[in-house]
Amino acid sequence: MNWITLRVRDLEASLHFYHQILGLPVERKFESRGRQIVMLGTAGQPKIELIQGSDPALTPESGVSIGFEVASVEESIAYLQTNGISVARGPVAPNPHLQFFYILDPDGFEVQLAEHR
């Protein structure tokens, strides 16, 4: 996989969420066909492509969620709460080796944060 594209209403709010809050590095910013685009992620890994626009290719109702690994579910929840981000669902522990929870990005897409033990 190369990337997943999210068309977002407010590029700056989404960039703040994914870069400042979740810590994804900005790989590059550019303009294409009059639209601002930001690629986020680590070199050699799949990226999240944010495109400013009002015609979403995906909507939160599409059932798409984005998942990230975290060192600690509890510490992540505490950190997010200090940044005004609420837990949307969870935490859930389907087995002794996995625990996860969901938050929502500025456009309502689910973001899963998972701790593998």
Protein backbone atom coordinates (compact mmCIF):
# COMPACT_ATOMS: atom_id res chain seq x y z
CA MET A 1 0.00 0.00 0.00
CA ASN A 2 1.27 3.49 -0.83
CA TRP A 3 -1.29 5.76 0.86
CA ILE A 4 -4.87 6.37 1.84
CA THR A 5 -6.46 9.61 0.67
CA LEU A 6 -8.78 11.67 2.84
CA ARG A 7 -10.48 14.70 1.35
CA VAL A 8 -10.85 17.06 4.27
CA ARG A 9 -12.92 20.20 4.86
CA ASP A 10 -10.22 22.05 6.81
CA LEU A 11 -6.68 21.10 5.82
CA GLU A 12 -5.09 23.01 8.72
CA ALA A 13 -7.30 21.29 11.33
CA SER A 14 -6.54 17.87 9.83
CA LEU A 15 -2.84 18.66 9.57
CA HIS A 16 -2.83 19.73 13.22
CA PHE A 17 -4.57 16.47 14.22
CA TYR A 18 -2.36 14.06 12.27
CA HIS A 19 0.94 15.95 12.58
CA GLN A 20 0.82 17.78 15.92
CA ILE A 21 -1.44 15.46 17.95
CA LEU A 22 -0.63 12.04 16.45
CA GLY A 23 2.96 12.89 15.51
CA LEU A 24 3.00 11.85 11.85
CA PRO A 25 5.84 13.59 10.03
CA VAL A 26 4.98 15.79 7.07
CA GLU A 27 6.68 14.19 4.09
CA ARG A 28 5.70 16.93 1.65
CA LYS A 29 3.19 19.63 0.82
CA PHE A 30 2.23 20.60 -2.70
CA GLU A 31 -0.56 21.90 -4.92
CA SER A 32 -2.18 19.94 -7.72
CA ARG A 33 -5.02 21.21 -9.90
CA GLY A 34 -5.59 24.07 -7.49
CA ARG A 35 -5.88 21.84 -4.41
CA GLN A 36 -3.55 21.81 -1.45
CA ILE A 37 -2.20 18.33 -0.62
CA VAL A 38 -0.15 17.10 2.32
CA MET A 39 1.50 13.67 2.52
CA LEU A 40 2.10 12.45 6.08
CA GLY A 41 4.09 9.46 7.25
CA THR A 42 7.50 7.92 7.69
CA ALA A 43 9.80 7.22 4.73
CA GLY A 44 9.26 3.76 3.30
CA GLN A 45 5.88 3.37 5.02
CA PRO A 46 2.32 3.94 3.72
CA LYS A 47 1.20 7.56 3.91
CA ILE A 48 -1.94 9.50 4.69
CA GLU A 49 -2.72 11.96 1.91
CA LEU A 50 -4.83 14.93 2.97
CA ILE A 51 -6.51 16.88 0.18
CA GLN A 52 -8.39 20.10 0.85
CA GLY A 53 -11.78 19.81 -0.81
CA SER A 54 -15.52 19.68 -0.48
CA ASP A 55 -16.14 16.55 -2.55
CA PRO A 56 -15.13 13.67 -0.28
CA ALA A 57 -14.08 10.43 -1.97
CA LEU A 58 -14.60 8.78 1.41
CA THR A 59 -16.93 9.78 4.20
CA PRO A 60 -16.95 8.62 7.81
CA GLU A 61 -19.99 6.52 6.89
CA SER A 62 -17.84 4.53 4.43
CA GLY A 63 -16.60 2.36 7.29
CA VAL A 64 -12.98 3.40 6.82
CA SER A 65 -10.74 3.65 9.84
CA ILE A 66 -7.03 4.32 10.10
CA GLY A 67 -4.95 2.41 12.64
CA PHE A 68 -1.76 3.28 14.47
CA GLU A 69 0.38 1.39 16.96
CA VAL A 70 0.90 2.98 20.38
CA ALA A 71 3.16 1.96 23.27
CA SER A 72 0.40 2.31 25.86
CA VAL A 73 -3.36 2.69 25.50
CA GLU A 74 -3.66 4.31 28.92
CA GLU A 75 -0.89 6.86 28.28
CA SER A 76 -2.30 7.63 24.84
CA ILE A 77 -5.77 8.28 26.22
CA ALA A 78 -4.36 10.60 28.89
CA TYR A 79 -2.26 12.49 26.31
CA LEU A 80 -5.18 12.87 23.89
CA GLN A 81 -7.51 14.09 26.63
CA THR A 82 -5.01 16.84 27.54
CA ASN A 83 -5.25 17.90 23.87
CA GLY A 84 -9.05 17.99 23.86
CA ILE A 85 -9.50 14.66 22.02
CA SER A 86 -12.16 12.33 23.44
CA VAL A 87 -12.33 8.57 23.12
CA ALA A 88 -15.12 7.66 20.67
CA ARG A 89 -15.15 3.91 21.46
CA GLY A 90 -13.25 1.59 23.75
CA PRO A 91 -10.86 0.66 25.07
CA VAL A 92 -11.47 -2.89 23.87
CA ALA A 93 -9.31 -5.91 24.68
CA PRO A 94 -10.38 -8.76 22.35
CA ASN A 95 -7.55 -10.94 23.66
CA PRO A 96 -4.72 -10.67 26.22
CA HIS A 97 -2.28 -9.49 23.54
CA LEU A 98 -4.25 -6.60 22.07
CA GLN A 99 -6.01 -3.52 23.40
CA PHE A 100 -7.31 -0.60 21.32
CA PHE A 101 -9.62 2.41 21.24
CA TYR A 102 -10.98 4.84 18.67
CA ILE A 103 -10.91 8.61 18.34
CA LEU A 104 -12.35 10.78 15.55
CA ASP A 105 -10.33 13.06 13.30
CA PRO A 106 -11.65 16.57 12.47
CA ASP A 107 -13.81 15.16 9.63
CA GLY A 108 -15.23 12.31 11.72
CA PHE A 109 -13.04 9.48 10.39
CA GLU A 110 -12.28 6.80 12.97
CA VAL A 111 -8.67 6.50 14.06
CA GLN A 112 -7.81 3.32 15.95
CA LEU A 113 -4.91 3.37 18.39
CA ALA A 114 -3.75 -0.15 19.26
CA GLU A 115 -1.33 -1.56 21.81
CA HIS A 116 0.06 -5.02 21.10
CA ARG A 117 1.32 -6.63 24.30
